[in-house]
Amino acid sequence: MLQELLAGLVWITANVAYGAMVRKGQRGLRRFAAFCLGWPFTLVSFFVIKPTRRVPETDARYALQTELEEERDLLLEIRRDRARRISQHPSSEDGTPEEDRILEEQG
């Protein structure tokens, strides 16, 4: 009786662990072991739970990618703002008054 109870607990724990690993996008031996220990319900979970492809935030590549995306968004916002300012003041060609003054001094 104790053996069946323990086997049931291991089966339930394996299914919960497998589902959590799939949702988090984790891979490896632990996920495979949870899949095997939770058989056959983990086979159903395999088709039902949609995996995510998240990279942990501690990963250097993820941090670099996030920084590049933030810089790209900032550059896009600057370009939008500049286009808006140019469209509001068509007499000024491309630059700000400060840029125009600097160009006149250099030229």
Protein backbone atom coordinates (compact mmCIF):
# COMPACT_ATOMS: atom_id res chain seq x y z
CA MET A 1 0.00 0.00 0.00
CA LEU A 2 2.79 2.42 0.89
CA GLN A 3 4.57 1.57 -2.34
CA GLU A 4 1.52 2.46 -4.45
CA LEU A 5 1.02 5.70 -2.52
CA LEU A 6 4.66 6.66 -3.04
CA ALA A 7 4.48 5.77 -6.75
CA GLY A 8 1.39 7.94 -7.11
CA LEU A 9 3.10 10.88 -5.43
CA VAL A 10 6.15 10.51 -7.68
CA TRP A 11 3.86 10.34 -10.75
CA ILE A 12 1.97 13.51 -9.75
CA THR A 13 5.18 15.36 -8.87
CA ALA A 14 6.76 14.35 -12.18
CA ASN A 15 3.75 15.61 -14.14
CA VAL A 16 3.72 18.95 -12.31
CA ALA A 17 7.47 19.33 -12.71
CA TYR A 18 7.33 18.48 -16.41
CA GLY A 19 4.53 20.99 -17.00
CA ALA A 20 6.47 23.73 -15.20
CA MET A 21 9.64 22.96 -17.17
CA VAL A 22 7.78 23.10 -20.49
CA ARG A 23 6.13 26.41 -19.59
CA LYS A 24 9.48 27.93 -18.58
CA GLY A 25 11.24 26.61 -21.68
CA GLN A 26 13.78 24.56 -19.73
CA ARG A 27 15.47 21.63 -21.44
CA GLY A 28 17.77 18.89 -20.33
CA LEU A 29 18.00 15.65 -18.44
CA ARG A 30 15.66 16.71 -15.63
CA ARG A 31 12.86 17.43 -18.09
CA PHE A 32 13.42 14.08 -19.80
CA ALA A 33 13.39 12.27 -16.45
CA ALA A 34 10.17 14.03 -15.44
CA PHE A 35 8.66 13.04 -18.77
CA CYS A 36 9.57 9.39 -18.24
CA LEU A 37 8.41 9.25 -14.62
CA GLY A 38 5.11 10.91 -15.44
CA TRP A 39 4.25 8.68 -18.38
CA PRO A 40 1.53 8.50 -19.90
CA PHE A 41 0.00 11.79 -18.74
CA THR A 42 3.12 13.74 -19.70
CA LEU A 43 2.49 12.65 -23.28
CA VAL A 44 -0.82 14.51 -23.11
CA SER A 45 0.96 17.49 -21.51
CA PHE A 46 3.47 17.42 -24.34
CA PHE A 47 0.69 18.22 -26.82
CA VAL A 48 -1.42 20.50 -24.61
CA ILE A 49 1.08 22.83 -22.91
CA LYS A 50 2.65 25.38 -25.23
CA PRO A 51 6.38 25.72 -24.58
CA THR A 52 7.97 29.13 -24.32
CA ARG A 53 11.39 29.95 -25.63
CA ARG A 54 12.54 32.31 -22.91
CA VAL A 55 16.16 32.83 -22.10
CA PRO A 56 16.95 33.42 -18.44
CA GLU A 57 17.56 37.05 -17.55
CA THR A 58 20.93 36.13 -16.04
CA ASP A 59 22.20 35.07 -19.46
CA ALA A 60 24.59 37.61 -20.97
CA ARG A 61 23.19 37.16 -24.46
CA TYR A 62 19.68 37.94 -23.20
CA ALA A 63 20.93 41.08 -21.45
CA LEU A 64 22.73 42.21 -24.61
CA GLN A 65 19.67 41.52 -26.74
CA THR A 66 17.46 43.46 -24.34
CA GLU A 67 19.87 46.39 -24.35
CA LEU A 68 20.00 46.43 -28.16
CA GLU A 69 16.20 46.35 -28.37
CA GLU A 70 15.95 49.26 -25.93
CA GLU A 71 18.49 51.25 -27.97
CA ARG A 72 16.61 50.49 -31.18
CA ASP A 73 13.33 51.62 -29.61
CA LEU A 74 14.98 54.81 -28.36
CA LEU A 75 16.44 55.55 -31.81
CA LEU A 76 13.04 54.97 -33.40
CA GLU A 77 11.44 57.36 -30.92
CA ILE A 78 14.10 59.99 -31.67
CA ARG A 79 13.46 59.64 -35.40
CA ARG A 80 9.71 59.98 -34.89
CA ASP A 81 10.19 63.06 -32.76
CA ARG A 82 12.52 64.64 -35.29
CA ALA A 83 10.10 63.91 -38.14
CA ARG A 84 7.27 65.45 -36.12
CA ARG A 85 9.32 68.58 -35.41
CA ILE A 86 10.31 68.92 -39.06
CA SER A 87 6.71 68.55 -40.20
CA GLN A 88 5.59 71.25 -37.74
CA HIS A 89 8.29 73.73 -38.85
CA PRO A 90 8.88 73.21 -42.57
CA SER A 91 11.19 76.24 -42.81
CA SER A 92 13.84 74.43 -40.81
CA GLU A 93 15.30 71.82 -43.12
CA ASP A 94 16.74 68.87 -41.25
CA GLY A 95 18.45 70.04 -38.13
CA THR A 96 17.74 71.93 -34.99
CA PRO A 97 18.65 75.62 -34.66
CA GLU A 98 21.76 74.64 -32.71
CA GLU A 99 22.86 72.31 -35.49
CA ASP A 100 22.19 75.01 -38.09
CA ARG A 101 24.27 77.52 -36.12
CA ILE A 102 27.18 75.08 -35.78
CA LEU A 103 27.09 74.31 -39.52
CA GLU A 104 27.09 78.03 -40.37
CA GLU A 105 30.11 78.62 -38.12
CA GLN A 106 32.02 75.73 -39.68
CA GLY A 107 31.04 76.57 -43.29
